[in-house]
Each structure stands twice: as C-alpha cells, then as structure tokens.
Amino acid sequence: MEINGQRAKPSRLVRIDDRLRITRNELLFEIDVIGLIERRVSAAIAAEQYRETEEGRRAREATLAELKTRRNEGEARSRRPDKRQRRQIRSLRER
C-alpha cells in the first residue's frame, strides 16, 4: 500500500485528498480519499468517503481482462483433478 507515492507504515494517518494505491494479488486500486469518519461504520457509508480514480479503474479492468484471457488459454495455475478425473487416472494405472 502506498499513500501519495510513498510506502505506508501502519502508523501513517490518512488525510483528506490523499491518494492510496492498494495492491491485492495482481490488481491495483487507486483511490482518492474525499472524507474521513472517526468511528466504525457500515461498508456502504465508508464507500462514500473515497473515490476510485478513472485511470486506476481502467488499468484494473485491463488487468482483469488479461487475467481472464490467460485463464481461458490454460495458463492459469493447475488445479487438482476432480473426482471423475481421479477415477480415470486410477483406471489407467490399473491396466
């Protein structure tokens, strides 16, 4: 996580007009803080206090599209065989 281009420490206070860059897995979120709340509130109310930047949203959507095409092409991480596939493997080994 970065705040205004600098890596954020846990004690760093967030202020109005700060730009946050949050990375989750391969996705990057760029968010502008437009308000602060002193106490814990619901997610819907908290979401009103920030706005995702347009260029950040476009970049994230492009990354999602790229990940989706990679998954469709079979480049995604390999998964364990399901029950049917395990039965087929077992039958091939028994021959």
Protein backbone atom coordinates (compact mmCIF):
# COMPACT_ATOMS: atom_id res chain seq x y z
CA MET A 1 0.00 0.00 0.00
CA GLU A 2 1.21 3.49 -0.84
CA ILE A 3 -0.06 6.88 0.26
CA ASN A 4 0.79 9.71 -2.13
CA GLY A 5 3.53 7.64 -3.76
CA GLN A 6 5.26 6.65 -0.51
CA ARG A 7 5.09 3.27 1.14
CA ALA A 8 2.71 3.46 4.10
CA LYS A 9 3.63 2.33 7.58
CA PRO A 10 0.88 1.09 9.92
CA SER A 11 1.04 4.27 11.99
CA ARG A 12 0.62 6.60 8.98
CA LEU A 13 -2.53 8.69 9.25
CA VAL A 14 -4.74 9.06 6.19
CA ARG A 15 -5.88 12.58 5.36
CA ILE A 16 -8.44 14.04 3.02
CA ASP A 17 -7.11 14.38 -0.57
CA ASP A 18 -4.58 11.55 -0.08
CA ARG A 19 -4.19 9.13 -2.98
CA LEU A 20 -3.98 5.48 -1.95
CA ARG A 21 -2.50 2.74 -4.14
CA ILE A 22 -3.63 -0.63 -2.85
CA THR A 23 -2.39 -3.89 -4.36
CA ARG A 24 -4.40 -7.07 -3.93
CA ASN A 25 -2.90 -10.08 -5.68
CA GLU A 26 -2.34 -8.80 -9.21
CA LEU A 27 -4.89 -5.98 -9.05
CA LEU A 28 -4.05 -2.35 -8.31
CA PHE A 29 -6.61 0.06 -6.88
CA GLU A 30 -6.01 3.83 -6.96
CA ILE A 31 -8.29 5.66 -4.56
CA ASP A 32 -8.71 9.32 -3.60
CA VAL A 33 -9.84 10.00 -0.03
CA ILE A 34 -12.67 12.55 0.00
CA GLY A 35 -13.75 12.28 3.63
CA LEU A 36 -12.88 10.76 6.98
CA ILE A 37 -15.00 9.10 9.64
CA GLU A 38 -13.95 8.89 13.29
CA ARG A 39 -15.83 5.72 14.17
CA ARG A 40 -16.53 2.36 12.58
CA VAL A 41 -19.47 2.40 10.14
CA SER A 42 -21.02 0.12 7.53
CA ALA A 43 -19.27 -0.56 4.24
CA ALA A 44 -21.85 1.43 2.28
CA ILE A 45 -21.23 4.57 4.34
CA ALA A 46 -17.45 4.07 4.27
CA ALA A 47 -17.53 3.70 0.47
CA GLU A 48 -18.94 7.24 0.22
CA GLN A 49 -15.71 8.59 1.72
CA TYR A 50 -13.44 7.60 -1.18
CA ARG A 51 -13.48 7.63 -4.97
CA GLU A 52 -11.57 5.35 -7.31
CA THR A 53 -9.59 7.24 -9.95
CA GLU A 54 -10.65 6.79 -13.55
CA GLU A 55 -7.19 5.78 -14.79
CA GLY A 56 -6.86 3.30 -11.92
CA ARG A 57 -10.21 1.73 -12.78
CA ARG A 58 -9.28 1.42 -16.45
CA ALA A 59 -5.92 -0.17 -15.62
CA ARG A 60 -7.56 -2.62 -13.20
CA GLU A 61 -10.18 -3.61 -15.80
CA ALA A 62 -7.41 -4.16 -18.38
CA THR A 63 -5.55 -6.38 -15.89
CA LEU A 64 -8.74 -8.35 -15.21
CA ALA A 65 -9.30 -8.85 -18.94
CA GLU A 66 -5.71 -10.05 -19.37
CA LEU A 67 -6.07 -12.49 -16.47
CA LYS A 68 -9.31 -13.79 -17.92
CA THR A 69 -7.73 -14.44 -21.33
CA ARG A 70 -4.77 -16.18 -19.68
CA ARG A 71 -7.16 -18.38 -17.73
CA ASN A 72 -9.07 -19.23 -20.89
CA GLU A 73 -5.82 -20.11 -22.67
CA GLY A 74 -4.90 -22.54 -19.91
CA GLU A 75 -2.04 -20.54 -18.40
CA ALA A 76 -3.72 -20.32 -15.01
CA ARG A 77 -2.38 -22.35 -12.13
CA SER A 78 -3.04 -26.05 -12.38
CA ARG A 79 -5.81 -27.46 -10.27
CA ARG A 80 -6.16 -30.80 -8.60
CA PRO A 81 -8.08 -33.40 -10.58
CA ASP A 82 -11.76 -33.69 -9.75
CA LYS A 83 -13.45 -36.95 -8.78
CA ARG A 84 -14.10 -38.06 -12.36
CA GLN A 85 -10.53 -37.32 -13.44
CA ARG A 86 -9.13 -39.21 -10.42
CA ARG A 87 -11.20 -42.26 -11.39
CA GLN A 88 -9.85 -42.07 -14.94
CA ILE A 89 -6.27 -41.82 -13.67
CA ARG A 90 -6.82 -44.75 -11.34
CA SER A 91 -8.26 -46.88 -14.15
CA LEU A 92 -5.28 -46.08 -16.40
CA ARG A 93 -2.84 -47.08 -13.67
CA GLU A 94 -4.59 -50.41 -13.09
CA ARG A 95 -4.11 -51.54 -16.70
